[in-house]
Amino acid sequence: MENQKYSRRKFIGKYILAGTVSLGTGVLIAGSAESGIAKEGDLKQQTNNPQSAQNNPCDDLKGVSADEIAKRKKLAYVNKTPIPDSHCSNCALYLPPAKDKPCGGCMLFKGPVRPEGYCAYWAPINN
């Protein structure tokens, strides 16, 4: 019976280690997400600049609600990925363009998505 006791020292050590690992993981995720965060001016430029939409139809957010634009910002969507091997077109959440459409979409928010874009929730495609 003595061997089955769980010491307070082991209990505290185990949970301090688990907490440290969790905190470290959170810091890594936050750091990688921050590197792809769009500046507030970038989103305003996308929505208010018709010239931008003429250059690339995937930048045209005219029919997208303010809530959905806020979602894009919260998810740190950018038109050009800062991580070469991680982009929308190789993300599990990416919706490829429909026939005769130039832009894809995303399962997380509405509106056009560039294949070379990126957001903090990028997930690799599992084959």
N, C-alpha and C. Protein backbone atom coordinates (compact mmCIF):
# COMPACT_ATOMS: atom_id res chain seq x y z
N MET A 1 0.82 -1.19 0.00
CA MET A 1 0.00 0.00 0.00
C MET A 1 0.87 1.25 0.00
N GLU A 2 2.01 1.20 0.64
CA GLU A 2 2.92 2.34 0.72
C GLU A 2 3.39 2.77 -0.67
N ASN A 3 3.59 1.83 -1.61
CA ASN A 3 4.07 2.15 -2.95
C ASN A 3 2.99 2.82 -3.80
N GLN A 4 1.75 2.67 -3.42
CA GLN A 4 0.67 3.23 -4.21
C GLN A 4 0.35 4.68 -3.83
N LYS A 5 0.95 5.19 -2.78
CA LYS A 5 0.71 6.58 -2.39
C LYS A 5 1.30 7.52 -3.43
N TYR A 6 0.62 8.58 -3.62
CA TYR A 6 1.07 9.59 -4.57
C TYR A 6 1.56 10.78 -3.76
N SER A 7 2.84 11.05 -3.83
CA SER A 7 3.39 12.11 -2.98
C SER A 7 3.01 13.49 -3.49
N ARG A 8 2.91 14.42 -2.57
CA ARG A 8 2.59 15.80 -2.90
C ARG A 8 3.68 16.39 -3.79
N ARG A 9 4.91 16.02 -3.52
CA ARG A 9 6.04 16.52 -4.31
C ARG A 9 5.92 16.10 -5.78
N LYS A 10 5.58 14.82 -6.02
CA LYS A 10 5.41 14.34 -7.39
C LYS A 10 4.23 15.04 -8.06
N PHE A 11 3.14 15.20 -7.31
CA PHE A 11 1.95 15.85 -7.85
C PHE A 11 2.27 17.28 -8.28
N ILE A 12 2.89 18.05 -7.42
CA ILE A 12 3.22 19.44 -7.73
C ILE A 12 4.22 19.51 -8.89
N GLY A 13 5.23 18.67 -8.87
CA GLY A 13 6.22 18.64 -9.95
C GLY A 13 5.59 18.33 -11.30
N LYS A 14 4.69 17.37 -11.31
CA LYS A 14 4.02 16.97 -12.55
C LYS A 14 3.20 18.13 -13.12
N TYR A 15 2.47 18.84 -12.28
CA TYR A 15 1.62 19.91 -12.77
C TYR A 15 2.37 21.19 -13.07
N ILE A 16 3.47 21.41 -12.42
CA ILE A 16 4.33 22.54 -12.78
C ILE A 16 4.93 22.29 -14.16
N LEU A 17 5.37 21.09 -14.43
CA LEU A 17 5.91 20.74 -15.74
C LEU A 17 4.84 20.89 -16.82
N ALA A 18 3.64 20.37 -16.56
CA ALA A 18 2.55 20.48 -17.54
C ALA A 18 2.20 21.94 -17.80
N GLY A 19 2.16 22.75 -16.76
CA GLY A 19 1.86 24.18 -16.92
C GLY A 19 2.92 24.89 -17.72
N THR A 20 4.18 24.55 -17.47
CA THR A 20 5.28 25.17 -18.21
C THR A 20 5.22 24.82 -19.69
N VAL A 21 4.95 23.56 -19.98
CA VAL A 21 4.83 23.12 -21.38
C VAL A 21 3.66 23.84 -22.05
N SER A 22 2.52 23.94 -21.36
CA SER A 22 1.35 24.63 -21.92
C SER A 22 1.64 26.10 -22.17
N LEU A 23 2.27 26.75 -21.23
CA LEU A 23 2.61 28.17 -21.38
C LEU A 23 3.58 28.36 -22.55
N GLY A 24 4.58 27.51 -22.65
CA GLY A 24 5.54 27.60 -23.74
C GLY A 24 4.89 27.41 -25.10
N THR A 25 3.96 26.46 -25.18
CA THR A 25 3.23 26.23 -26.43
C THR A 25 2.40 27.45 -26.80
N GLY A 26 1.75 28.03 -25.81
CA GLY A 26 0.94 29.23 -26.07
C GLY A 26 1.78 30.39 -26.56
N VAL A 27 2.96 30.56 -25.99
CA VAL A 27 3.85 31.64 -26.42
C VAL A 27 4.31 31.40 -27.85
N LEU A 28 4.65 30.16 -28.20
CA LEU A 28 5.06 29.85 -29.56
C LEU A 28 3.95 30.10 -30.56
N ILE A 29 2.74 29.70 -30.22
CA ILE A 29 1.61 29.90 -31.13
C ILE A 29 1.34 31.39 -31.29
N ALA A 30 1.34 32.13 -30.19
CA ALA A 30 1.09 33.56 -30.27
C ALA A 30 2.18 34.26 -31.08
N GLY A 31 3.40 33.86 -30.94
CA GLY A 31 4.50 34.47 -31.69
C GLY A 31 4.38 34.20 -33.17
N SER A 32 3.99 32.98 -33.55
CA SER A 32 3.86 32.67 -34.97
C SER A 32 2.64 33.37 -35.56
N ALA A 33 1.59 33.52 -34.77
CA ALA A 33 0.40 34.23 -35.26
C ALA A 33 0.70 35.71 -35.43
N GLU A 34 1.46 36.28 -34.51
CA GLU A 34 1.76 37.71 -34.58
C GLU A 34 2.59 38.05 -35.81
N SER A 35 3.41 37.13 -36.27
CA SER A 35 4.25 37.42 -37.43
C SER A 35 3.43 37.58 -38.70
N GLY A 36 2.18 37.08 -38.71
CA GLY A 36 1.35 37.19 -39.89
C GLY A 36 0.18 38.15 -39.74
N ILE A 37 0.15 38.91 -38.64
CA ILE A 37 -0.97 39.81 -38.39
C ILE A 37 -0.96 40.96 -39.38
N ALA A 38 -2.11 41.20 -39.95
CA ALA A 38 -2.25 42.33 -40.87
C ALA A 38 -2.41 43.60 -40.06
N LYS A 39 -1.85 44.67 -40.56
CA LYS A 39 -2.00 45.96 -39.92
C LYS A 39 -3.40 46.47 -40.18
N GLU A 40 -3.94 47.25 -39.25
CA GLU A 40 -5.29 47.77 -39.40
C GLU A 40 -5.45 48.53 -40.71
N GLY A 41 -4.46 49.29 -41.09
CA GLY A 41 -4.50 50.05 -42.32
C GLY A 41 -4.58 49.15 -43.55
N ASP A 42 -3.98 47.96 -43.47
CA ASP A 42 -4.02 47.02 -44.59
C ASP A 42 -5.46 46.61 -44.90
N LEU A 43 -6.24 46.29 -43.85
CA LEU A 43 -7.62 45.88 -44.07
C LEU A 43 -8.46 47.05 -44.58
N LYS A 44 -8.23 48.24 -44.03
CA LYS A 44 -8.96 49.40 -44.51
C LYS A 44 -8.64 49.66 -45.97
N GLN A 45 -7.39 49.49 -46.34
CA GLN A 45 -6.99 49.70 -47.72
C GLN A 45 -7.69 48.69 -48.62
N GLN A 46 -7.80 47.44 -48.17
CA GLN A 46 -8.47 46.41 -48.98
C GLN A 46 -9.94 46.74 -49.18
N THR A 47 -10.60 47.26 -48.14
CA THR A 47 -12.03 47.52 -48.25
C THR A 47 -12.33 48.85 -48.91
N ASN A 48 -11.47 49.84 -48.75
CA ASN A 48 -11.77 51.18 -49.25
C ASN A 48 -11.06 51.55 -50.53
N ASN A 49 -10.22 50.70 -51.04
CA ASN A 49 -9.44 51.04 -52.21
C ASN A 49 -9.92 50.23 -53.41
N PRO A 50 -10.78 50.82 -54.26
CA PRO A 50 -11.26 50.07 -55.43
C PRO A 50 -10.14 49.72 -56.40
N GLN A 51 -9.07 50.51 -56.41
CA GLN A 51 -7.93 50.23 -57.28
C GLN A 51 -7.33 48.87 -56.92
N SER A 52 -7.26 48.58 -55.62
CA SER A 52 -6.72 47.30 -55.16
C SER A 52 -7.55 46.14 -55.69
N ALA A 53 -8.89 46.29 -55.66
CA ALA A 53 -9.76 45.23 -56.15
C ALA A 53 -9.64 45.06 -57.66
N GLN A 54 -9.32 46.14 -58.37
CA GLN A 54 -9.15 46.04 -59.81
C GLN A 54 -7.89 45.24 -60.14
N ASN A 55 -6.87 45.38 -59.32
CA ASN A 55 -5.63 44.64 -59.55
C ASN A 55 -5.80 43.16 -59.29
N ASN A 56 -6.53 42.81 -58.26
CA ASN A 56 -6.76 41.42 -57.92
C ASN A 56 -8.17 41.29 -57.37
N PRO A 57 -9.04 40.54 -58.03
CA PRO A 57 -10.42 40.41 -57.57
C PRO A 57 -10.52 39.78 -56.19
N CYS A 58 -9.49 39.09 -55.75
CA CYS A 58 -9.51 38.46 -54.43
C CYS A 58 -9.38 39.49 -53.31
N ASP A 59 -9.08 40.74 -53.66
CA ASP A 59 -8.98 41.80 -52.67
C ASP A 59 -10.29 42.59 -52.53
N ASP A 60 -11.28 42.27 -53.36
CA ASP A 60 -12.54 43.00 -53.35
C ASP A 60 -13.43 42.49 -52.22
N LEU A 61 -13.57 43.31 -51.19
CA LEU A 61 -14.37 42.93 -50.03
C LEU A 61 -15.68 43.72 -49.96
N LYS A 62 -16.14 44.22 -51.11
CA LYS A 62 -17.36 45.06 -51.13
C LYS A 62 -18.58 44.34 -50.55
N GLY A 63 -18.80 43.11 -50.87
CA GLY A 63 -19.98 42.39 -50.40
C GLY A 63 -19.79 41.69 -49.06
N VAL A 64 -18.66 41.92 -48.41
CA VAL A 64 -18.35 41.24 -47.15
C VAL A 64 -18.76 42.14 -45.98
N SER A 65 -19.46 41.56 -45.01
CA SER A 65 -19.94 42.35 -43.87
C SER A 65 -18.77 42.78 -42.98
N ALA A 66 -19.02 43.81 -42.19
CA ALA A 66 -18.00 44.31 -41.25
C ALA A 66 -17.62 43.23 -40.24
N ASP A 67 -18.58 42.41 -39.84
CA ASP A 67 -18.29 41.31 -38.90
C ASP A 67 -17.31 40.31 -39.50
N GLU A 68 -17.51 39.99 -40.77
CA GLU A 68 -16.62 39.04 -41.44
C GLU A 68 -15.23 39.64 -41.65
N ILE A 69 -15.17 40.93 -41.93
CA ILE A 69 -13.87 41.60 -42.07
C ILE A 69 -13.16 41.60 -40.72
N ALA A 70 -13.92 41.81 -39.64
CA ALA A 70 -13.33 41.75 -38.30
C ALA A 70 -12.81 40.34 -38.00
N LYS A 71 -13.54 39.31 -38.47
CA LYS A 71 -13.10 37.92 -38.29
C LYS A 71 -11.77 37.68 -39.00
N ARG A 72 -11.66 38.21 -40.23
CA ARG A 72 -10.41 38.08 -40.99
C ARG A 72 -9.25 38.67 -40.19
N LYS A 73 -9.51 39.85 -39.63
CA LYS A 73 -8.48 40.54 -38.85
C LYS A 73 -8.12 39.73 -37.61
N LYS A 74 -9.13 39.22 -36.91
CA LYS A 74 -8.89 38.43 -35.70
C LYS A 74 -8.08 37.17 -36.00
N LEU A 75 -8.31 36.59 -37.17
CA LEU A 75 -7.59 35.38 -37.57
C LEU A 75 -6.26 35.70 -38.24
N ALA A 76 -5.93 36.99 -38.33
CA ALA A 76 -4.65 37.47 -38.86
C ALA A 76 -4.45 37.11 -40.34
N TYR A 77 -5.53 37.16 -41.12
CA TYR A 77 -5.42 36.87 -42.55
C TYR A 77 -4.62 37.97 -43.25
N VAL A 78 -3.68 37.55 -44.09
CA VAL A 78 -2.91 38.46 -44.94
C VAL A 78 -2.94 37.91 -46.37
N ASN A 79 -2.82 38.81 -47.34
CA ASN A 79 -2.89 38.41 -48.75
C ASN A 79 -1.67 37.64 -49.22
N LYS A 80 -0.55 37.84 -48.58
CA LYS A 80 0.71 37.18 -48.97
C LYS A 80 1.31 36.56 -47.72
N THR A 81 1.55 35.27 -47.77
CA THR A 81 2.07 34.56 -46.60
C THR A 81 3.48 35.01 -46.22
N PRO A 82 3.73 35.13 -44.91
CA PRO A 82 5.09 35.40 -44.46
C PRO A 82 5.91 34.12 -44.32
N ILE A 83 5.24 32.98 -44.46
CA ILE A 83 5.88 31.67 -44.30
C ILE A 83 5.79 30.94 -45.64
N PRO A 84 6.89 30.82 -46.36
CA PRO A 84 6.87 30.29 -47.73
C PRO A 84 6.13 28.96 -47.93
N ASP A 85 6.25 28.03 -47.00
CA ASP A 85 5.64 26.71 -47.19
C ASP A 85 4.23 26.60 -46.60
N SER A 86 3.70 27.69 -46.04
CA SER A 86 2.38 27.70 -45.44
C SER A 86 1.54 28.78 -46.10
N HIS A 87 0.61 28.38 -46.95
CA HIS A 87 -0.25 29.34 -47.61
C HIS A 87 -1.64 28.73 -47.75
N CYS A 88 -2.60 29.57 -48.07
CA CYS A 88 -4.00 29.12 -48.11
C CYS A 88 -4.21 27.92 -49.02
N SER A 89 -3.58 27.91 -50.17
CA SER A 89 -3.84 26.81 -51.11
C SER A 89 -3.34 25.45 -50.62
N ASN A 90 -2.50 25.43 -49.58
CA ASN A 90 -2.12 24.12 -49.02
C ASN A 90 -2.59 24.00 -47.57
N CYS A 91 -3.71 24.68 -47.27
CA CYS A 91 -4.33 24.62 -45.94
C CYS A 91 -5.57 23.73 -46.01
N ALA A 92 -5.79 22.97 -44.96
CA ALA A 92 -6.95 22.08 -44.91
C ALA A 92 -8.28 22.85 -44.86
N LEU A 93 -8.25 24.13 -44.49
CA LEU A 93 -9.47 24.93 -44.36
C LEU A 93 -9.79 25.73 -45.62
N TYR A 94 -8.91 25.67 -46.61
CA TYR A 94 -9.08 26.43 -47.85
C TYR A 94 -10.13 25.78 -48.74
N LEU A 95 -10.98 26.63 -49.31
CA LEU A 95 -11.98 26.17 -50.27
C LEU A 95 -11.53 26.61 -51.65
N PRO A 96 -11.16 25.70 -52.53
CA PRO A 96 -10.68 26.07 -53.86
C PRO A 96 -11.73 26.88 -54.62
N PRO A 97 -11.29 27.68 -55.59
CA PRO A 97 -12.25 28.49 -56.36
C PRO A 97 -13.25 27.61 -57.11
N ALA A 98 -14.47 28.08 -57.16
CA ALA A 98 -15.50 27.40 -57.95
C ALA A 98 -15.17 27.61 -59.43
N LYS A 99 -15.78 26.81 -60.27
CA LYS A 99 -15.53 26.93 -61.71
C LYS A 99 -15.82 28.36 -62.16
N ASP A 100 -14.95 28.93 -62.95
CA ASP A 100 -15.07 30.29 -63.48
C ASP A 100 -14.94 31.37 -62.40
N LYS A 101 -14.38 31.05 -61.24
CA LYS A 101 -14.15 32.04 -60.18
C LYS A 101 -12.65 32.15 -59.95
N PRO A 102 -12.14 33.37 -59.78
CA PRO A 102 -10.69 33.54 -59.61
C PRO A 102 -10.19 33.30 -58.19
N CYS A 103 -11.10 33.37 -57.19
CA CYS A 103 -10.66 33.31 -55.79
C CYS A 103 -11.27 32.13 -55.06
N GLY A 104 -10.51 31.64 -54.10
CA GLY A 104 -11.02 30.60 -53.24
C GLY A 104 -11.71 31.21 -52.04
N GLY A 105 -11.94 30.37 -51.05
CA GLY A 105 -12.58 30.82 -49.82
C GLY A 105 -11.97 30.11 -48.64
N CYS A 106 -12.56 30.33 -47.48
CA CYS A 106 -12.07 29.71 -46.24
C CYS A 106 -13.26 29.23 -45.43
N MET A 107 -13.07 28.14 -44.71
CA MET A 107 -14.13 27.62 -43.85
C MET A 107 -14.35 28.48 -42.62
N LEU A 108 -13.38 29.35 -42.29
CA LEU A 108 -13.45 30.14 -41.06
C LEU A 108 -14.10 31.50 -41.23
N PHE A 109 -14.07 32.07 -42.42
CA PHE A 109 -14.67 33.38 -42.65
C PHE A 109 -15.14 33.49 -44.09
N LYS A 110 -16.02 34.47 -44.33
CA LYS A 110 -16.58 34.66 -45.67
C LYS A 110 -15.75 35.66 -46.44
N GLY A 111 -15.87 35.60 -47.75
CA GLY A 111 -15.17 36.53 -48.61
C GLY A 111 -14.08 35.84 -49.40
N PRO A 112 -13.56 36.55 -50.39
CA PRO A 112 -12.53 35.97 -51.26
C PRO A 112 -11.21 35.78 -50.53
N VAL A 113 -10.50 34.72 -50.92
CA VAL A 113 -9.22 34.38 -50.31
C VAL A 113 -8.21 34.11 -51.42
N ARG A 114 -7.06 34.74 -51.29
CA ARG A 114 -5.98 34.48 -52.25
C ARG A 114 -5.32 33.13 -51.94
N PRO A 115 -4.96 32.37 -52.97
CA PRO A 115 -4.26 31.10 -52.73
C PRO A 115 -2.92 31.31 -52.01
N GLU A 116 -2.28 32.46 -52.23
CA GLU A 116 -0.99 32.74 -51.60
C GLU A 116 -1.13 33.45 -50.26
N GLY A 117 -2.37 33.56 -49.75
CA GLY A 117 -2.62 34.19 -48.46
C GLY A 117 -2.25 33.29 -47.30
N TYR A 118 -2.53 33.78 -46.09
CA TYR A 118 -2.17 33.04 -44.88
C TYR A 118 -2.96 33.61 -43.71
N CYS A 119 -3.25 32.77 -42.72
CA CYS A 119 -3.81 33.25 -41.45
C CYS A 119 -3.24 32.41 -40.32
N ALA A 120 -3.52 32.85 -39.10
CA ALA A 120 -2.96 32.20 -37.92
C ALA A 120 -3.50 30.78 -37.71
N TYR A 121 -4.58 30.43 -38.37
CA TYR A 121 -5.16 29.10 -38.20
C TYR A 121 -4.81 28.15 -39.35
N TRP A 122 -3.75 28.45 -40.07
CA TRP A 122 -3.31 27.58 -41.15
C TRP A 122 -3.12 26.16 -40.62
N ALA A 123 -3.66 25.19 -41.34
CA ALA A 123 -3.55 23.78 -40.95
C ALA A 123 -3.11 22.97 -42.16
N PRO A 124 -2.08 22.15 -42.02
CA PRO A 124 -1.61 21.37 -43.17
C PRO A 124 -2.66 20.36 -43.63
N ILE A 125 -2.65 20.10 -44.91
CA ILE A 125 -3.56 19.10 -45.47
C ILE A 125 -3.00 17.72 -45.14
N ASN A 126 -3.84 16.89 -44.53
CA ASN A 126 -3.44 15.52 -44.20
C ASN A 126 -3.86 14.61 -45.34
N ASN A 127 -2.90 13.94 -45.93
CA ASN A 127 -3.23 13.04 -47.05
C ASN A 127 -3.57 11.67 -46.58
